Amino acid sequence: RFLLPCLVPVLLLGACREQPEAQTTFP
């Protein structure tokens, strides 16, 4: 259940890429 987008076991690591950040209302 950890294997979400960008959450991968060792052998599938290369499939993940950083996603752009959205606009935020946090200070």
PDB file of all heavy atoms in Angstrom:
ATOM      1  N   ARG A   1       0.818  -1.214   0.000  1.00  0.00           N
ATOM      2  CA  ARG A   1       0.000   0.000   0.000  1.00  0.00           C
ATOM      3  C   ARG A   1       0.846   1.255   0.000  1.00  0.00           C
ATOM      4  O   ARG A   1       0.337   2.351  -0.150  1.00  0.00           O
ATOM      5  CB  ARG A   1      -0.956   0.005   1.196  1.00  0.00           C
ATOM      6  CG  ARG A   1      -0.321   0.158   2.553  1.00  0.00           C
ATOM      7  CD  ARG A   1      -1.364  -0.158   3.595  1.00  0.00           C
ATOM      8  NE  ARG A   1      -0.867   0.025   4.942  1.00  0.00           N
ATOM      9  CZ  ARG A   1      -1.223   1.027   5.722  1.00  0.00           C
ATOM     10  NH1 ARG A   1      -2.030   1.968   5.267  1.00  0.00           N
ATOM     11  NH2 ARG A   1      -0.767   1.117   6.954  1.00  0.00           N
ATOM     12  N   PHE A   2       2.183   1.130   0.140  1.00  0.00           N
ATOM     13  CA  PHE A   2       3.072   2.274  -0.005  1.00  0.00           C
ATOM     14  C   PHE A   2       3.367   2.571  -1.472  1.00  0.00           C
ATOM     15  O   PHE A   2       3.934   3.599  -1.784  1.00  0.00           O
ATOM     16  CB  PHE A   2       4.419   1.999   0.678  1.00  0.00           C
ATOM     17  CG  PHE A   2       4.396   2.139   2.171  1.00  0.00           C
ATOM     18  CD1 PHE A   2       5.536   1.849   2.901  1.00  0.00           C
ATOM     19  CD2 PHE A   2       3.274   2.565   2.833  1.00  0.00           C
ATOM     20  CE1 PHE A   2       5.540   1.976   4.275  1.00  0.00           C
ATOM     21  CE2 PHE A   2       3.261   2.698   4.206  1.00  0.00           C
ATOM     22  CZ  PHE A   2       4.406   2.399   4.926  1.00  0.00           C
ATOM     23  N   LEU A   3       3.042   1.661  -2.394  1.00  0.00           N
ATOM     24  CA  LEU A   3       3.509   1.790  -3.758  1.00  0.00           C
ATOM     25  C   LEU A   3       2.590   2.704  -4.553  1.00  0.00           C
ATOM     26  O   LEU A   3       1.919   2.309  -5.489  1.00  0.00           O
ATOM     27  CB  LEU A   3       3.625   0.419  -4.413  1.00  0.00           C
ATOM     28  CG  LEU A   3       4.513  -0.555  -3.632  1.00  0.00           C
ATOM     29  CD1 LEU A   3       4.671  -1.846  -4.408  1.00  0.00           C
ATOM     30  CD2 LEU A   3       5.871   0.052  -3.335  1.00  0.00           C
ATOM     31  N   LEU A   4       2.574   3.972  -4.158  1.00  0.00           N
ATOM     32  CA  LEU A   4       1.828   5.028  -4.827  1.00  0.00           C
ATOM     33  C   LEU A   4       2.738   5.675  -5.861  1.00  0.00           C
ATOM     34  O   LEU A   4       3.900   5.339  -5.962  1.00  0.00           O
ATOM     35  CB  LEU A   4       1.394   6.054  -3.782  1.00  0.00           C
ATOM     36  CG  LEU A   4       0.635   5.470  -2.577  1.00  0.00           C
ATOM     37  CD1 LEU A   4       0.385   6.578  -1.564  1.00  0.00           C
ATOM     38  CD2 LEU A   4      -0.659   4.847  -3.002  1.00  0.00           C
ATOM     39  N   PRO A   5       2.255   6.647  -6.671  1.00  0.00           N
ATOM     40  CA  PRO A   5       3.155   7.350  -7.573  1.00  0.00           C
ATOM     41  C   PRO A   5       4.349   7.903  -6.809  1.00  0.00           C
ATOM     42  O   PRO A   5       4.203   8.583  -5.802  1.00  0.00           O
ATOM     43  CB  PRO A   5       2.279   8.474  -8.145  1.00  0.00           C
ATOM     44  CG  PRO A   5       0.891   7.924  -8.073  1.00  0.00           C
ATOM     45  CD  PRO A   5       0.861   7.097  -6.811  1.00  0.00           C
ATOM     46  N   CYS A   6       5.545   7.609  -7.310  1.00  0.00           N
ATOM     47  CA  CYS A   6       6.802   8.039  -6.717  1.00  0.00           C
ATOM     48  C   CYS A   6       7.156   7.284  -5.438  1.00  0.00           C
ATOM     49  O   CYS A   6       8.131   7.622  -4.789  1.00  0.00           O
ATOM     50  CB  CYS A   6       6.834   9.526  -6.420  1.00  0.00           C
ATOM     51  SG  CYS A   6       6.965  10.538  -7.875  1.00  0.00           S
ATOM     52  N   LEU A   7       6.403   6.235  -5.085  1.00  0.00           N
ATOM     53  CA  LEU A   7       6.771   5.426  -3.927  1.00  0.00           C
ATOM     54  C   LEU A   7       7.029   4.033  -4.446  1.00  0.00           C
ATOM     55  O   LEU A   7       6.125   3.338  -4.845  1.00  0.00           O
ATOM     56  CB  LEU A   7       5.638   5.406  -2.912  1.00  0.00           C
ATOM     57  CG  LEU A   7       5.897   4.614  -1.643  1.00  0.00           C
ATOM     58  CD1 LEU A   7       7.148   5.138  -0.960  1.00  0.00           C
ATOM     59  CD2 LEU A   7       4.730   4.697  -0.716  1.00  0.00           C
ATOM     60  N   VAL A   8       8.289   3.611  -4.461  1.00  0.00           N
ATOM     61  CA  VAL A   8       8.655   2.429  -5.223  1.00  0.00           C
ATOM     62  C   VAL A   8       9.636   1.581  -4.466  1.00  0.00           C
ATOM     63  O   VAL A   8      10.434   2.081  -3.682  1.00  0.00           O
ATOM     64  CB  VAL A   8       9.286   2.849  -6.570  1.00  0.00           C
ATOM     65  CG1 VAL A   8       8.254   3.465  -7.473  1.00  0.00           C
ATOM     66  CG2 VAL A   8      10.444   3.806  -6.362  1.00  0.00           C
ATOM     67  N   PRO A   9       9.616   0.241  -4.692  1.00  0.00           N
ATOM     68  CA  PRO A   9      10.697  -0.571  -4.179  1.00  0.00           C
ATOM     69  C   PRO A   9      11.963  -0.311  -4.971  1.00  0.00           C
ATOM     70  O   PRO A   9      11.949   0.325  -6.015  1.00  0.00           O
ATOM     71  CB  PRO A   9      10.179  -2.001  -4.374  1.00  0.00           C
ATOM     72  CG  PRO A   9       9.220  -1.899  -5.503  1.00  0.00           C
ATOM     73  CD  PRO A   9       8.595  -0.537  -5.388  1.00  0.00           C
ATOM     74  N   VAL A  10      13.070  -0.835  -4.496  1.00  0.00           N
ATOM     75  CA  VAL A  10      14.373  -0.505  -5.057  1.00  0.00           C
ATOM     76  C   VAL A  10      14.432  -0.710  -6.561  1.00  0.00           C
ATOM     77  O   VAL A  10      14.909   0.140  -7.303  1.00  0.00           O
ATOM     78  CB  VAL A  10      15.446  -1.358  -4.361  1.00  0.00           C
ATOM     79  CG1 VAL A  10      16.792  -1.169  -5.025  1.00  0.00           C
ATOM     80  CG2 VAL A  10      15.533  -0.998  -2.887  1.00  0.00           C
ATOM     81  N   LEU A  11      13.921  -1.828  -7.065  1.00  0.00           N
ATOM     82  CA  LEU A  11      14.127  -2.167  -8.462  1.00  0.00           C
ATOM     83  C   LEU A  11      13.318  -1.298  -9.412  1.00  0.00           C
ATOM     84  O   LEU A  11      13.581  -1.288 -10.605  1.00  0.00           O
ATOM     85  CB  LEU A  11      13.784  -3.647  -8.686  1.00  0.00           C
ATOM     86  CG  LEU A  11      14.673  -4.626  -7.906  1.00  0.00           C
ATOM     87  CD1 LEU A  11      14.247  -6.062  -8.187  1.00  0.00           C
ATOM     88  CD2 LEU A  11      16.144  -4.432  -8.264  1.00  0.00           C
ATOM     89  N   LEU A  12      12.315  -0.536  -8.909  1.00  0.00           N
ATOM     90  CA  LEU A  12      11.486   0.310  -9.761  1.00  0.00           C
ATOM     91  C   LEU A  12      11.789   1.790  -9.575  1.00  0.00           C
ATOM     92  O   LEU A  12      11.051   2.634 -10.026  1.00  0.00           O
ATOM     93  CB  LEU A  12      10.004   0.057  -9.478  1.00  0.00           C
ATOM     94  CG  LEU A  12       9.510  -1.375  -9.707  1.00  0.00           C
ATOM     95  CD1 LEU A  12       8.024  -1.463  -9.389  1.00  0.00           C
ATOM     96  CD2 LEU A  12       9.773  -1.830 -11.126  1.00  0.00           C
ATOM     97  N   LEU A  13      12.900   2.092  -8.973  1.00  0.00           N
ATOM     98  CA  LEU A  13      13.198   3.463  -8.582  1.00  0.00           C
ATOM     99  C   LEU A  13      13.223   4.435  -9.745  1.00  0.00           C
ATOM    100  O   LEU A  13      12.760   5.553  -9.647  1.00  0.00           O
ATOM    101  CB  LEU A  13      14.552   3.498  -7.864  1.00  0.00           C
ATOM    102  CG  LEU A  13      15.000   4.832  -7.307  1.00  0.00           C
ATOM    103  CD1 LEU A  13      14.044   5.298  -6.232  1.00  0.00           C
ATOM    104  CD2 LEU A  13      16.402   4.720  -6.760  1.00  0.00           C
ATOM    105  N   GLY A  14      13.742   4.023 -10.874  1.00  0.00           N
ATOM    106  CA  GLY A  14      13.923   4.939 -11.977  1.00  0.00           C
ATOM    107  C   GLY A  14      12.638   5.476 -12.569  1.00  0.00           C
ATOM    108  O   GLY A  14      12.661   6.423 -13.346  1.00  0.00           O
ATOM    109  N   ALA A  15      11.493   4.896 -12.218  1.00  0.00           N
ATOM    110  CA  ALA A  15      10.228   5.342 -12.803  1.00  0.00           C
ATOM    111  C   ALA A  15       9.697   6.623 -12.198  1.00  0.00           C
ATOM    112  O   ALA A  15       8.740   7.198 -12.696  1.00  0.00           O
ATOM    113  CB  ALA A  15       9.180   4.248 -12.642  1.00  0.00           C
ATOM    114  N   CYS A  16      10.296   7.107 -11.118  1.00  0.00           N
ATOM    115  CA  CYS A  16       9.734   8.233 -10.373  1.00  0.00           C
ATOM    116  C   CYS A  16      10.410   9.545 -10.751  1.00  0.00           C
ATOM    117  O   CYS A  16      11.611   9.602 -10.898  1.00  0.00           O
ATOM    118  CB  CYS A  16       9.886   7.973  -8.882  1.00  0.00           C
ATOM    119  SG  CYS A  16       9.195   9.260  -7.874  1.00  0.00           S
ATOM    120  N   ARG A  17       9.631  10.596 -10.886  1.00  0.00           N
ATOM    121  CA  ARG A  17      10.159  11.923 -11.183  1.00  0.00           C
ATOM    122  C   ARG A  17       9.478  12.939 -10.286  1.00  0.00           C
ATOM    123  O   ARG A  17       8.300  12.807  -9.963  1.00  0.00           O
ATOM    124  CB  ARG A  17       9.918  12.304 -12.654  1.00  0.00           C
ATOM    125  CG  ARG A  17      10.707  11.452 -13.632  1.00  0.00           C
ATOM    126  CD  ARG A  17      12.193  11.718 -13.517  1.00  0.00           C
ATOM    127  NE  ARG A  17      12.954  10.951 -14.485  1.00  0.00           N
ATOM    128  CZ  ARG A  17      13.436   9.749 -14.288  1.00  0.00           C
ATOM    129  NH1 ARG A  17      13.203   9.133 -13.141  1.00  0.00           N
ATOM    130  NH2 ARG A  17      14.128   9.124 -15.212  1.00  0.00           N
ATOM    131  N   GLU A  18      10.212  13.959  -9.899  1.00  0.00           N
ATOM    132  CA  GLU A  18       9.643  15.001  -9.044  1.00  0.00           C
ATOM    133  C   GLU A  18       8.550  15.742  -9.783  1.00  0.00           C
ATOM    134  O   GLU A  18       8.655  16.026 -10.972  1.00  0.00           O
ATOM    135  CB  GLU A  18      10.755  15.965  -8.623  1.00  0.00           C
ATOM    136  CG  GLU A  18      10.285  17.013  -7.647  1.00  0.00           C
ATOM    137  CD  GLU A  18      11.431  17.831  -7.081  1.00  0.00           C
ATOM    138  OE1 GLU A  18      12.488  17.265  -6.832  1.00  0.00           O
ATOM    139  OE2 GLU A  18      11.239  19.043  -6.912  1.00  0.00           O
ATOM    140  N   GLN A  19       7.463  16.083  -9.075  1.00  0.00           N
ATOM    141  CA  GLN A  19       6.324  16.766  -9.654  1.00  0.00           C
ATOM    142  C   GLN A  19       6.381  18.255  -9.325  1.00  0.00           C
ATOM    143  O   GLN A  19       6.921  18.653  -8.304  1.00  0.00           O
ATOM    144  CB  GLN A  19       5.027  16.181  -9.097  1.00  0.00           C
ATOM    145  CG  GLN A  19       4.888  14.681  -9.351  1.00  0.00           C
ATOM    146  CD  GLN A  19       3.702  14.103  -8.627  1.00  0.00           C
ATOM    147  OE1 GLN A  19       2.831  14.832  -8.161  1.00  0.00           O
ATOM    148  NE2 GLN A  19       3.656  12.790  -8.508  1.00  0.00           N
ATOM    149  N   PRO A  20       5.808  19.111 -10.190  1.00  0.00           N
ATOM    150  CA  PRO A  20       5.819  20.542  -9.901  1.00  0.00           C
ATOM    151  C   PRO A  20       4.942  20.867  -8.703  1.00  0.00           C
ATOM    152  O   PRO A  20       3.930  20.217  -8.458  1.00  0.00           O
ATOM    153  CB  PRO A  20       5.244  21.172 -11.187  1.00  0.00           C
ATOM    154  CG  PRO A  20       4.428  20.075 -11.800  1.00  0.00           C
ATOM    155  CD  PRO A  20       5.142  18.801 -11.476  1.00  0.00           C
ATOM    156  N   GLU A  21       5.341  21.900  -7.963  1.00  0.00           N
ATOM    157  CA  GLU A  21       4.572  22.312  -6.800  1.00  0.00           C
ATOM    158  C   GLU A  21       3.412  23.226  -7.210  1.00  0.00           C
ATOM    159  O   GLU A  21       3.514  24.033  -8.111  1.00  0.00           O
ATOM    160  CB  GLU A  21       5.469  23.063  -5.817  1.00  0.00           C
ATOM    161  CG  GLU A  21       6.520  22.193  -5.173  1.00  0.00           C
ATOM    162  CD  GLU A  21       7.275  22.954  -4.106  1.00  0.00           C
ATOM    163  OE1 GLU A  21       6.714  23.163  -3.008  1.00  0.00           O
ATOM    164  OE2 GLU A  21       8.401  23.339  -4.376  1.00  0.00           O
ATOM    165  N   ALA A  22       2.284  23.074  -6.533  1.00  0.00           N
ATOM    166  CA  ALA A  22       1.113  23.903  -6.807  1.00  0.00           C
ATOM    167  C   ALA A  22       1.182  25.190  -5.990  1.00  0.00           C
ATOM    168  O   ALA A  22       1.960  25.321  -5.056  1.00  0.00           O
ATOM    169  CB  ALA A  22      -0.145  23.121  -6.449  1.00  0.00           C
ATOM    170  N   GLN A  23       0.355  26.161  -6.367  1.00  0.00           N
ATOM    171  CA  GLN A  23       0.240  27.386  -5.591  1.00  0.00           C
ATOM    172  C   GLN A  23      -0.273  27.065  -4.200  1.00  0.00           C
ATOM    173  O   GLN A  23      -1.073  26.141  -4.018  1.00  0.00           O
ATOM    174  CB  GLN A  23      -0.703  28.364  -6.296  1.00  0.00           C
ATOM    175  CG  GLN A  23      -0.171  28.896  -7.626  1.00  0.00           C
ATOM    176  CD  GLN A  23       1.080  29.728  -7.437  1.00  0.00           C
ATOM    177  OE1 GLN A  23       1.156  30.548  -6.525  1.00  0.00           O
ATOM    178  NE2 GLN A  23       2.079  29.515  -8.293  1.00  0.00           N
ATOM    179  N   THR A  24       0.166  27.817  -3.207  1.00  0.00           N
ATOM    180  CA  THR A  24      -0.182  27.484  -1.835  1.00  0.00           C
ATOM    181  C   THR A  24      -0.604  28.725  -1.073  1.00  0.00           C
ATOM    182  O   THR A  24      -0.184  29.840  -1.388  1.00  0.00           O
ATOM    183  CB  THR A  24       1.015  26.827  -1.127  1.00  0.00           C
ATOM    184  OG1 THR A  24       0.671  26.568   0.235  1.00  0.00           O
ATOM    185  CG2 THR A  24       2.248  27.717  -1.163  1.00  0.00           C
ATOM    186  N   THR A  25      -1.455  28.514  -0.061  1.00  0.00           N
ATOM    187  CA  THR A  25      -1.856  29.605   0.826  1.00  0.00           C
ATOM    188  C   THR A  25      -1.140  29.513   2.168  1.00  0.00           C
ATOM    189  O   THR A  25      -1.489  30.230   3.100  1.00  0.00           O
ATOM    190  CB  THR A  25      -3.378  29.567   1.058  1.00  0.00           C
ATOM    191  OG1 THR A  25      -3.743  28.282   1.593  1.00  0.00           O
ATOM    192  CG2 THR A  25      -4.130  29.811  -0.235  1.00  0.00           C
ATOM    193  N   PHE A  26      -0.167  28.621   2.277  1.00  0.00           N
ATOM    194  CA  PHE A  26       0.586  28.494   3.518  1.00  0.00           C
ATOM    195  C   PHE A  26       1.518  29.691   3.698  1.00  0.00           C
ATOM    196  O   PHE A  26       2.045  30.229   2.718  1.00  0.00           O
ATOM    197  CB  PHE A  26       1.405  27.203   3.516  1.00  0.00           C
ATOM    198  CG  PHE A  26       0.576  25.962   3.563  1.00  0.00           C
ATOM    199  CD1 PHE A  26       0.177  25.323   2.388  1.00  0.00           C
ATOM    200  CD2 PHE A  26       0.177  25.415   4.777  1.00  0.00           C
ATOM    201  CE1 PHE A  26      -0.597  24.181   2.425  1.00  0.00           C
ATOM    202  CE2 PHE A  26      -0.593  24.260   4.823  1.00  0.00           C
ATOM    203  CZ  PHE A  26      -0.984  23.646   3.644  1.00  0.00           C
ATOM    204  N   PRO A  27       1.745  30.113   4.936  1.00  0.00           N
ATOM    205  CA  PRO A  27       2.623  31.279   5.150  1.00  0.00           C
ATOM    206  C   PRO A  27       4.083  30.958   4.882  1.00  0.00           C
ATOM    207  O   PRO A  27       4.546  29.829   5.096  1.00  0.00           O
ATOM    208  CB  PRO A  27       2.402  31.593   6.636  1.00  0.00           C
ATOM    209  CG  PRO A  27       2.033  30.282   7.254  1.00  0.00           C
ATOM    210  CD  PRO A  27       1.205  29.569   6.208  1.00  0.00           C
TER     211      PRO A  27
END
